[in-house]
Amino acid sequence: METTDFRSLRISLASPEHIRSWSYGEVTKPETINYRRLRPEKDGLFCEAIFGPTRDWQCYCGKYKNIRYRGIICDKCGVEVTRSSVRRERLGHIELAAPVAHIWYTRRVPSYLGLLLNISRRNLDRVLYFAQYVVTHVDTEARERALKRLEKELADAEANIEESIQSDIGDDTGEAQGRLAELQEELDTLNERFDEELQQMIDEIVGEAKVMEQTLTNLQGKKATEDYVLGDSIVVEMDQKVGKAHLVMVQEVT
């Protein structure tokens, strides 16, 4: 092809589908030449089945060795019988486990890939390192379906959460009411016990006061031979003359 046969040149990125359509086969091994036979390694970077024969009109295994077999693909080695010059034209491909880009085309200034894709080098690095992604096509119908599905899932999740909360509240309320009833019952029991003990103490004090009242009545106008105590209080001290005031003090208790 002469250089004057074209007026313009367009450079663009080839999609994986285009590369596979141009390719004559997949390279699966990193080897180039077999060190024993000094021939291209099968499925390697110089594979004859992919790029063409190294010798004109001869396949790799030697089954076909003449121009009359031109165009035939050997059923043993898979090499097409043709000229060796096709090795300069044919293209093979490598299936990558993850997308990669050469640093020469991304990190230099200006970035070749950034110019072709019309994005900044910073965003290009984020895409290459899987921190972001580029949306090339949006299916509006699928998007609407996905949004409706997500809204339905969200509504169902909210309903389930609300139902679970109400159920937990009901369980907690029932448990709290049961505990409150137990505490109220314990309080009533304690009050009854307190009332009984208080009444018993009052009865004992009143009994002691009646006995002391009778004793002081008999000793009225006389000196006490000992201290007369009611509860924690001394009513009449020893050698003190028993009077009406002492009886009134005891009667107030009864």
C-alpha atoms as a PDB file:
ATOM      1  CA  MET A   1       0.000   0.000   0.000  1.00  0.00           C
ATOM      2  CA  GLU A   2       1.364   3.400  -1.002  1.00  0.00           C
ATOM      3  CA  THR A   3       1.377   6.210   1.532  1.00  0.00           C
ATOM      4  CA  THR A   4      -0.521   8.399  -0.931  1.00  0.00           C
ATOM      5  CA  ASP A   5      -3.477   6.010  -1.049  1.00  0.00           C
ATOM      6  CA  PHE A   6      -5.143   7.601   2.000  1.00  0.00           C
ATOM      7  CA  ARG A   7      -5.863  11.139   3.126  1.00  0.00           C
ATOM      8  CA  SER A   8      -6.582  10.658   6.810  1.00  0.00           C
ATOM      9  CA  LEU A   9      -5.843   8.278   9.649  1.00  0.00           C
ATOM     10  CA  ARG A  10      -8.152   7.463  12.535  1.00  0.00           C
ATOM     11  CA  ILE A  11      -6.962   5.881  15.764  1.00  0.00           C
ATOM     12  CA  SER A  12      -9.463   4.271  18.135  1.00  0.00           C
ATOM     13  CA  LEU A  13      -9.639   1.538  20.752  1.00  0.00           C
ATOM     14  CA  ALA A  14     -10.671  -1.923  19.595  1.00  0.00           C
ATOM     15  CA  SER A  15     -13.338  -3.702  21.597  1.00  0.00           C
ATOM     16  CA  PRO A  16     -12.764  -7.271  22.846  1.00  0.00           C
ATOM     17  CA  GLU A  17     -15.293  -8.508  20.287  1.00  0.00           C
ATOM     18  CA  HIS A  18     -13.380  -6.887  17.415  1.00  0.00           C
ATOM     19  CA  ILE A  19     -10.075  -8.280  18.682  1.00  0.00           C
ATOM     20  CA  ARG A  20     -11.524 -11.805  18.855  1.00  0.00           C
ATOM     21  CA  SER A  21     -12.920 -11.446  15.317  1.00  0.00           C
ATOM     22  CA  TRP A  22      -9.494 -10.430  13.989  1.00  0.00           C
ATOM     23  CA  SER A  23      -7.636 -13.094  15.969  1.00  0.00           C
ATOM     24  CA  TYR A  24      -6.589 -16.472  14.528  1.00  0.00           C
ATOM     25  CA  GLY A  25      -6.392 -18.116  17.931  1.00  0.00           C
ATOM     26  CA  GLU A  26      -5.814 -17.694  21.647  1.00  0.00           C
ATOM     27  CA  VAL A  27      -2.319 -17.687  23.127  1.00  0.00           C
ATOM     28  CA  THR A  28      -2.397 -19.689  26.362  1.00  0.00           C
ATOM     29  CA  LYS A  29       1.326 -20.231  27.050  1.00  0.00           C
ATOM     30  CA  PRO A  30       4.131 -17.685  27.626  1.00  0.00           C
ATOM     31  CA  GLU A  31       6.743 -19.823  25.831  1.00  0.00           C
ATOM     32  CA  THR A  32       8.123 -18.858  22.405  1.00  0.00           C
ATOM     33  CA  ILE A  33      10.608 -21.438  21.010  1.00  0.00           C
ATOM     34  CA  ASN A  34      10.993 -25.018  22.198  1.00  0.00           C
ATOM     35  CA  TYR A  35      14.615 -25.328  23.309  1.00  0.00           C
ATOM     36  CA  ARG A  36      14.903 -28.956  22.134  1.00  0.00           C
ATOM     37  CA  ARG A  37      13.339 -28.787  18.687  1.00  0.00           C
ATOM     38  CA  LEU A  38      14.039 -25.075  18.151  1.00  0.00           C
ATOM     39  CA  ARG A  39      10.512 -24.776  16.771  1.00  0.00           C
ATOM     40  CA  PRO A  40       7.649 -22.533  17.953  1.00  0.00           C
ATOM     41  CA  GLU A  41       5.863 -23.880  21.045  1.00  0.00           C
ATOM     42  CA  LYS A  42       2.247 -24.930  20.454  1.00  0.00           C
ATOM     43  CA  ASP A  43      -0.261 -22.385  21.872  1.00  0.00           C
ATOM     44  CA  GLY A  44       2.696 -20.116  22.679  1.00  0.00           C
ATOM     45  CA  LEU A  45       3.597 -16.640  21.473  1.00  0.00           C
ATOM     46  CA  PHE A  46       5.010 -17.967  18.159  1.00  0.00           C
ATOM     47  CA  CYS A  47       2.497 -20.812  17.656  1.00  0.00           C
ATOM     48  CA  GLU A  48       2.254 -21.883  13.987  1.00  0.00           C
ATOM     49  CA  ALA A  49      -1.385 -22.936  14.354  1.00  0.00           C
ATOM     50  CA  ILE A  50      -2.229 -19.326  15.265  1.00  0.00           C
ATOM     51  CA  PHE A  51       0.172 -17.188  13.256  1.00  0.00           C
ATOM     52  CA  GLY A  52       0.996 -19.480  10.314  1.00  0.00           C
ATOM     53  CA  PRO A  53       3.808 -21.864   9.268  1.00  0.00           C
ATOM     54  CA  THR A  54       7.489 -20.976   9.631  1.00  0.00           C
ATOM     55  CA  ARG A  55       8.235 -22.698   6.298  1.00  0.00           C
ATOM     56  CA  ASP A  56       6.421 -22.052   3.021  1.00  0.00           C
ATOM     57  CA  TRP A  57       3.776 -24.638   2.126  1.00  0.00           C
ATOM     58  CA  GLN A  58       4.613 -26.926   5.031  1.00  0.00           C
ATOM     59  CA  CYS A  59       2.704 -27.651   8.217  1.00  0.00           C
ATOM     60  CA  TYR A  60       4.281 -28.028  11.661  1.00  0.00           C
ATOM     61  CA  CYS A  61       4.313 -31.834  11.807  1.00  0.00           C
ATOM     62  CA  GLY A  62       5.416 -32.311   8.163  1.00  0.00           C
ATOM     63  CA  LYS A  63       2.349 -34.191   6.964  1.00  0.00           C
ATOM     64  CA  TYR A  64       1.766 -31.645   4.175  1.00  0.00           C
ATOM     65  CA  LYS A  65       4.891 -30.316   2.384  1.00  0.00           C
ATOM     66  CA  ASN A  66       3.840 -29.094  -1.035  1.00  0.00           C
ATOM     67  CA  ILE A  67       2.110 -26.127  -2.627  1.00  0.00           C
ATOM     68  CA  ARG A  68      -0.597 -28.424  -3.935  1.00  0.00           C
ATOM     69  CA  TYR A  69      -1.908 -28.655  -0.347  1.00  0.00           C
ATOM     70  CA  ARG A  70      -2.386 -24.876  -0.210  1.00  0.00           C
ATOM     71  CA  GLY A  71      -5.245 -23.829   2.119  1.00  0.00           C
ATOM     72  CA  ILE A  72      -5.503 -27.210   3.841  1.00  0.00           C
ATOM     73  CA  ILE A  73      -5.450 -27.214   7.649  1.00  0.00           C
ATOM     74  CA  CYS A  74      -3.556 -30.182   9.017  1.00  0.00           C
ATOM     75  CA  ASP A  75      -5.785 -32.420  11.113  1.00  0.00           C
ATOM     76  CA  LYS A  76      -2.803 -33.418  13.263  1.00  0.00           C
ATOM     77  CA  CYS A  77      -1.065 -30.141  14.152  1.00  0.00           C
ATOM     78  CA  GLY A  78      -3.782 -27.649  13.119  1.00  0.00           C
ATOM     79  CA  VAL A  79      -1.445 -25.531  10.932  1.00  0.00           C
ATOM     80  CA  GLU A  80      -2.707 -24.112   7.620  1.00  0.00           C
ATOM     81  CA  VAL A  81      -0.526 -24.846   4.568  1.00  0.00           C
ATOM     82  CA  THR A  82       0.358 -21.398   3.202  1.00  0.00           C
ATOM     83  CA  ARG A  83       3.238 -18.948   2.898  1.00  0.00           C
ATOM     84  CA  SER A  84       5.296 -18.156   5.985  1.00  0.00           C
ATOM     85  CA  SER A  85       4.888 -14.424   5.305  1.00  0.00           C
ATOM     86  CA  VAL A  86       1.394 -14.550   6.825  1.00  0.00           C
ATOM     87  CA  ARG A  87       3.073 -14.619  10.244  1.00  0.00           C
ATOM     88  CA  ARG A  88       3.653 -10.884   9.782  1.00  0.00           C
ATOM     89  CA  GLU A  89      -0.057 -10.246   9.223  1.00  0.00           C
ATOM     90  CA  ARG A  90      -1.935 -12.581  11.517  1.00  0.00           C
ATOM     91  CA  LEU A  91      -3.090 -11.622  14.987  1.00  0.00           C
ATOM     92  CA  GLY A  92      -3.527 -13.736  18.095  1.00  0.00           C
ATOM     93  CA  HIS A  93      -5.133 -12.753  21.383  1.00  0.00           C
ATOM     94  CA  ILE A  94      -4.774 -13.416  25.114  1.00  0.00           C
ATOM     95  CA  GLU A  95      -7.831 -13.787  27.347  1.00  0.00           C
ATOM     96  CA  LEU A  96      -7.062 -11.725  30.452  1.00  0.00           C
ATOM     97  CA  ALA A  97      -8.339 -12.607  33.911  1.00  0.00           C
ATOM     98  CA  ALA A  98      -8.776  -8.856  34.541  1.00  0.00           C
ATOM     99  CA  PRO A  99      -8.500  -5.750  32.311  1.00  0.00           C
ATOM    100  CA  VAL A 100      -5.011  -4.218  32.187  1.00  0.00           C
ATOM    101  CA  ALA A 101      -3.385  -1.208  30.549  1.00  0.00           C
ATOM    102  CA  HIS A 102       0.264  -0.476  29.851  1.00  0.00           C
ATOM    103  CA  ILE A 103       1.755   2.253  31.983  1.00  0.00           C
ATOM    104  CA  TRP A 104       3.205   3.969  28.889  1.00  0.00           C
ATOM    105  CA  TYR A 105      -0.295   4.680  27.629  1.00  0.00           C
ATOM    106  CA  THR A 106      -1.802   5.788  30.953  1.00  0.00           C
ATOM    107  CA  ARG A 107       0.774   7.518  33.181  1.00  0.00           C
ATOM    108  CA  ARG A 108       2.599   9.665  30.646  1.00  0.00           C
ATOM    109  CA  VAL A 109       1.566  13.305  30.051  1.00  0.00           C
ATOM    110  CA  PRO A 110      -0.601  13.611  28.073  1.00  0.00           C
ATOM    111  CA  SER A 111      -2.178  10.186  28.580  1.00  0.00           C
ATOM    112  CA  TYR A 112      -2.884   8.447  25.260  1.00  0.00           C
ATOM    113  CA  LEU A 113      -5.802   6.435  26.637  1.00  0.00           C
ATOM    114  CA  GLY A 114      -7.136   9.482  28.448  1.00  0.00           C
ATOM    115  CA  LEU A 115      -7.162  11.452  25.194  1.00  0.00           C
ATOM    116  CA  LEU A 116      -8.859   8.622  23.294  1.00  0.00           C
ATOM    117  CA  LEU A 117     -11.513   8.120  25.982  1.00  0.00           C
ATOM    118  CA  ASN A 118     -11.849  11.845  26.748  1.00  0.00           C
ATOM    119  CA  ILE A 119     -11.404  11.381  30.486  1.00  0.00           C
ATOM    120  CA  SER A 120      -8.821  12.729  32.911  1.00  0.00           C
ATOM    121  CA  ARG A 121      -5.782  10.701  33.899  1.00  0.00           C
ATOM    122  CA  ARG A 122      -6.999  10.627  37.511  1.00  0.00           C
ATOM    123  CA  ASN A 123     -10.357   9.101  36.568  1.00  0.00           C
ATOM    124  CA  LEU A 124      -8.614   6.709  34.180  1.00  0.00           C
ATOM    125  CA  ASP A 125      -6.404   5.441  37.019  1.00  0.00           C
ATOM    126  CA  ARG A 126      -9.467   4.941  39.213  1.00  0.00           C
ATOM    127  CA  VAL A 127     -11.136   2.866  36.503  1.00  0.00           C
ATOM    128  CA  LEU A 128      -7.987   0.794  35.908  1.00  0.00           C
ATOM    129  CA  TYR A 129      -7.611   0.064  39.641  1.00  0.00           C
ATOM    130  CA  PHE A 130     -11.323  -0.825  39.991  1.00  0.00           C
ATOM    131  CA  ALA A 131     -12.113   2.140  42.246  1.00  0.00           C
ATOM    132  CA  GLN A 132     -14.681   3.433  39.711  1.00  0.00           C
ATOM    133  CA  TYR A 133     -16.296   2.265  36.512  1.00  0.00           C
ATOM    134  CA  VAL A 134     -17.451   3.859  33.271  1.00  0.00           C
ATOM    135  CA  VAL A 135     -21.081   3.498  32.206  1.00  0.00           C
ATOM    136  CA  THR A 136     -21.176   3.132  28.420  1.00  0.00           C
ATOM    137  CA  HIS A 137     -24.829   2.160  27.978  1.00  0.00           C
ATOM    138  CA  VAL A 138     -27.980   2.358  30.099  1.00  0.00           C
ATOM    139  CA  ASP A 139     -30.954   0.101  29.392  1.00  0.00           C
ATOM    140  CA  THR A 140     -33.844   2.329  30.485  1.00  0.00           C
ATOM    141  CA  GLU A 141     -36.387  -0.506  30.559  1.00  0.00           C
ATOM    142  CA  ALA A 142     -34.135  -2.708  32.674  1.00  0.00           C
ATOM    143  CA  ARG A 143     -33.384   0.298  34.875  1.00  0.00           C
ATOM    144  CA  GLU A 144     -37.105   0.918  35.475  1.00  0.00           C
ATOM    145  CA  ARG A 145     -37.660  -2.752  36.265  1.00  0.00           C
ATOM    146  CA  ALA A 146     -34.732  -2.744  38.669  1.00  0.00           C
ATOM    147  CA  LEU A 147     -36.002   0.412  40.386  1.00  0.00           C
ATOM    148  CA  LYS A 148     -39.476  -1.086  40.804  1.00  0.00           C
ATOM    149  CA  ARG A 149     -37.979  -4.290  42.172  1.00  0.00           C
ATOM    150  CA  LEU A 150     -35.809  -2.355  44.612  1.00  0.00           C
ATOM    151  CA  GLU A 151     -38.769  -0.235  45.734  1.00  0.00           C
ATOM    152  CA  LYS A 152     -40.818  -3.382  46.332  1.00  0.00           C
ATOM    153  CA  GLU A 153     -37.964  -5.013  48.251  1.00  0.00           C
ATOM    154  CA  LEU A 154     -37.546  -1.837  50.311  1.00  0.00           C
ATOM    155  CA  ALA A 155     -41.270  -1.687  51.101  1.00  0.00           C
ATOM    156  CA  ASP A 156     -41.289  -5.376  52.087  1.00  0.00           C
ATOM    157  CA  ALA A 157     -38.228  -4.872  54.271  1.00  0.00           C
ATOM    158  CA  GLU A 158     -39.814  -1.858  55.991  1.00  0.00           C
ATOM    159  CA  ALA A 159     -43.026  -3.822  56.589  1.00  0.00           C
ATOM    160  CA  ASN A 160     -41.078  -6.754  58.046  1.00  0.00           C
ATOM    161  CA  ILE A 161     -39.059  -4.446  60.293  1.00  0.00           C
ATOM    162  CA  GLU A 162     -42.194  -2.655  61.510  1.00  0.00           C
ATOM    163  CA  GLU A 163     -43.934  -5.969  62.184  1.00  0.00           C
ATOM    164  CA  SER A 164     -40.887  -7.223  64.066  1.00  0.00           C
ATOM    165  CA  ILE A 165     -40.738  -4.021  66.134  1.00  0.00           C
ATOM    166  CA  GLN A 166     -44.446  -4.212  66.991  1.00  0.00           C
ATOM    167  CA  SER A 167     -44.043  -7.857  67.962  1.00  0.00           C
ATOM    168  CA  ASP A 168     -41.056  -7.032  70.169  1.00  0.00           C
ATOM    169  CA  ILE A 169     -42.968  -4.140  71.749  1.00  0.00           C
ATOM    170  CA  GLY A 170     -45.917  -6.448  72.457  1.00  0.00           C
ATOM    171  CA  ASP A 171     -43.642  -9.064  74.004  1.00  0.00           C
ATOM    172  CA  ASP A 172     -41.827  -6.454  76.095  1.00  0.00           C
ATOM    173  CA  THR A 173     -45.140  -4.919  77.211  1.00  0.00           C
ATOM    174  CA  GLY A 174     -46.500  -8.289  78.294  1.00  0.00           C
ATOM    175  CA  GLU A 175     -43.276  -9.095  80.115  1.00  0.00           C
ATOM    176  CA  ALA A 176     -43.254  -5.674  81.802  1.00  0.00           C
ATOM    177  CA  GLN A 177     -46.875  -6.057  82.899  1.00  0.00           C
ATOM    178  CA  GLY A 178     -46.132  -9.494  84.334  1.00  0.00           C
ATOM    179  CA  ARG A 179     -43.116  -8.152  86.204  1.00  0.00           C
ATOM    180  CA  LEU A 180     -45.161  -5.191  87.462  1.00  0.00           C
ATOM    181  CA  ALA A 181     -47.838  -7.546  88.774  1.00  0.00           C
ATOM    182  CA  GLU A 182     -45.171  -9.583  90.597  1.00  0.00           C
ATOM    183  CA  LEU A 183     -43.683  -6.431  92.152  1.00  0.00           C
ATOM    184  CA  GLN A 184     -47.148  -5.212  93.202  1.00  0.00           C
ATOM    185  CA  GLU A 185     -47.860  -8.564  94.806  1.00  0.00           C
ATOM    186  CA  GLU A 186     -44.544  -8.432  96.687  1.00  0.00           C
ATOM    187  CA  LEU A 187     -45.344  -4.870  97.815  1.00  0.00           C
ATOM    188  CA  ASP A 188     -48.762  -5.917  99.107  1.00  0.00           C
ATOM    189  CA  THR A 189     -47.188  -8.831 100.987  1.00  0.00           C
ATOM    190  CA  LEU A 190     -44.591  -6.535 102.579  1.00  0.00           C
ATOM    191  CA  ASN A 191     -47.282  -4.016 103.562  1.00  0.00           C
ATOM    192  CA  GLU A 192     -49.365  -6.724 105.190  1.00  0.00           C
ATOM    193  CA  ARG A 193     -46.333  -8.045 107.072  1.00  0.00           C
ATOM    194  CA  PHE A 194     -45.422  -4.522 108.171  1.00  0.00           C
ATOM    195  CA  ASP A 195     -48.954  -3.858 109.392  1.00  0.00           C
ATOM    196  CA  GLU A 196     -48.976  -7.119 111.332  1.00  0.00           C
ATOM    197  CA  GLU A 197     -45.601  -6.428 112.967  1.00  0.00           C
ATOM    198  CA  LEU A 198     -46.613  -2.828 113.749  1.00  0.00           C
ATOM    199  CA  GLN A 199     -49.862  -3.941 115.336  1.00  0.00           C
ATOM    200  CA  GLN A 200     -47.997  -6.555 117.365  1.00  0.00           C
ATOM    201  CA  MET A 201     -45.545  -3.928 118.640  1.00  0.00           C
ATOM    202  CA  ILE A 202     -48.410  -1.576 119.500  1.00  0.00           C
ATOM    203  CA  ASP A 203     -50.223  -4.334 121.370  1.00  0.00           C
ATOM    204  CA  GLU A 204     -47.068  -5.137 123.342  1.00  0.00           C
ATOM    205  CA  ILE A 205     -46.502  -1.472 124.257  1.00  0.00           C
ATOM    206  CA  VAL A 206     -50.165  -0.997 125.232  1.00  0.00           C
ATOM    207  CA  GLY A 207     -49.986  -4.160 127.371  1.00  0.00           C
ATOM    208  CA  GLU A 208     -46.866  -2.890 129.111  1.00  0.00           C
ATOM    209  CA  ALA A 209     -48.511   0.527 129.623  1.00  0.00           C
ATOM    210  CA  LYS A 210     -51.598  -1.032 131.253  1.00  0.00           C
ATOM    211  CA  VAL A 211     -49.445  -3.074 133.615  1.00  0.00           C
ATOM    212  CA  MET A 212     -47.385   0.022 134.482  1.00  0.00           C
ATOM    213  CA  GLU A 213     -50.544   2.090 134.945  1.00  0.00           C
ATOM    214  CA  GLN A 214     -51.843  -0.428 137.456  1.00  0.00           C
ATOM    215  CA  THR A 215     -48.476  -0.471 139.218  1.00  0.00           C
ATOM    216  CA  LEU A 216     -48.238   3.339 139.385  1.00  0.00           C
ATOM    217  CA  THR A 217     -51.835   3.558 140.597  1.00  0.00           C
ATOM    218  CA  ASN A 218     -50.927   1.334 143.523  1.00  0.00           C
ATOM    219  CA  LEU A 219     -47.793   3.435 144.209  1.00  0.00           C
ATOM    220  CA  GLN A 220     -49.477   6.821 143.824  1.00  0.00           C
ATOM    221  CA  GLY A 221     -48.233   9.216 146.544  1.00  0.00           C
ATOM    222  CA  LYS A 222     -45.287   6.963 147.381  1.00  0.00           C
ATOM    223  CA  LYS A 223     -41.651   6.956 146.330  1.00  0.00           C
ATOM    224  CA  ALA A 224     -40.609   4.598 143.569  1.00  0.00           C
ATOM    225  CA  THR A 225     -38.222   1.883 144.646  1.00  0.00           C
ATOM    226  CA  GLU A 226     -36.805   1.537 141.125  1.00  0.00           C
ATOM    227  CA  ASP A 227     -36.861   3.159 137.680  1.00  0.00           C
ATOM    228  CA  TYR A 228     -40.058   2.513 135.782  1.00  0.00           C
ATOM    229  CA  VAL A 229     -39.357   2.482 132.020  1.00  0.00           C
ATOM    230  CA  LEU A 230     -41.937   2.353 129.205  1.00  0.00           C
ATOM    231  CA  GLY A 231     -40.303   1.648 125.873  1.00  0.00           C
ATOM    232  CA  ASP A 232     -37.207   3.874 125.716  1.00  0.00           C
ATOM    233  CA  SER A 233     -38.563   6.524 128.099  1.00  0.00           C
ATOM    234  CA  ILE A 234     -38.193   6.651 131.880  1.00  0.00           C
ATOM    235  CA  VAL A 235     -41.610   7.409 133.384  1.00  0.00           C
ATOM    236  CA  VAL A 236     -40.629   7.442 137.075  1.00  0.00           C
ATOM    237  CA  GLU A 237     -37.096   7.525 138.443  1.00  0.00           C
ATOM    238  CA  MET A 238     -36.074   5.743 141.623  1.00  0.00           C
ATOM    239  CA  ASP A 239     -36.856   7.637 144.866  1.00  0.00           C
ATOM    240  CA  GLN A 240     -39.187   9.923 142.910  1.00  0.00           C
ATOM    241  CA  LYS A 241     -42.684  10.382 144.300  1.00  0.00           C
ATOM    242  CA  VAL A 242     -45.357   8.897 141.997  1.00  0.00           C
ATOM    243  CA  GLY A 243     -47.945  11.487 141.071  1.00  0.00           C
ATOM    244  CA  LYS A 244     -50.918  12.033 138.839  1.00  0.00           C
ATOM    245  CA  ALA A 245     -48.708  13.402 136.040  1.00  0.00           C
ATOM    246  CA  HIS A 246     -46.987  10.043 135.770  1.00  0.00           C
ATOM    247  CA  LEU A 247     -50.320   8.281 135.397  1.00  0.00           C
ATOM    248  CA  VAL A 248     -51.401  10.749 132.686  1.00  0.00           C
ATOM    249  CA  MET A 249     -48.180  10.072 130.778  1.00  0.00           C
ATOM    250  CA  VAL A 250     -48.847   6.331 130.837  1.00  0.00           C
ATOM    251  CA  GLN A 251     -52.533   6.747 129.955  1.00  0.00           C
ATOM    252  CA  GLU A 252     -51.605   8.716 126.827  1.00  0.00           C
ATOM    253  CA  VAL A 253     -49.906   5.604 125.524  1.00  0.00           C
ATOM    254  CA  THR A 254     -52.888   3.372 126.203  1.00  0.00           C
END
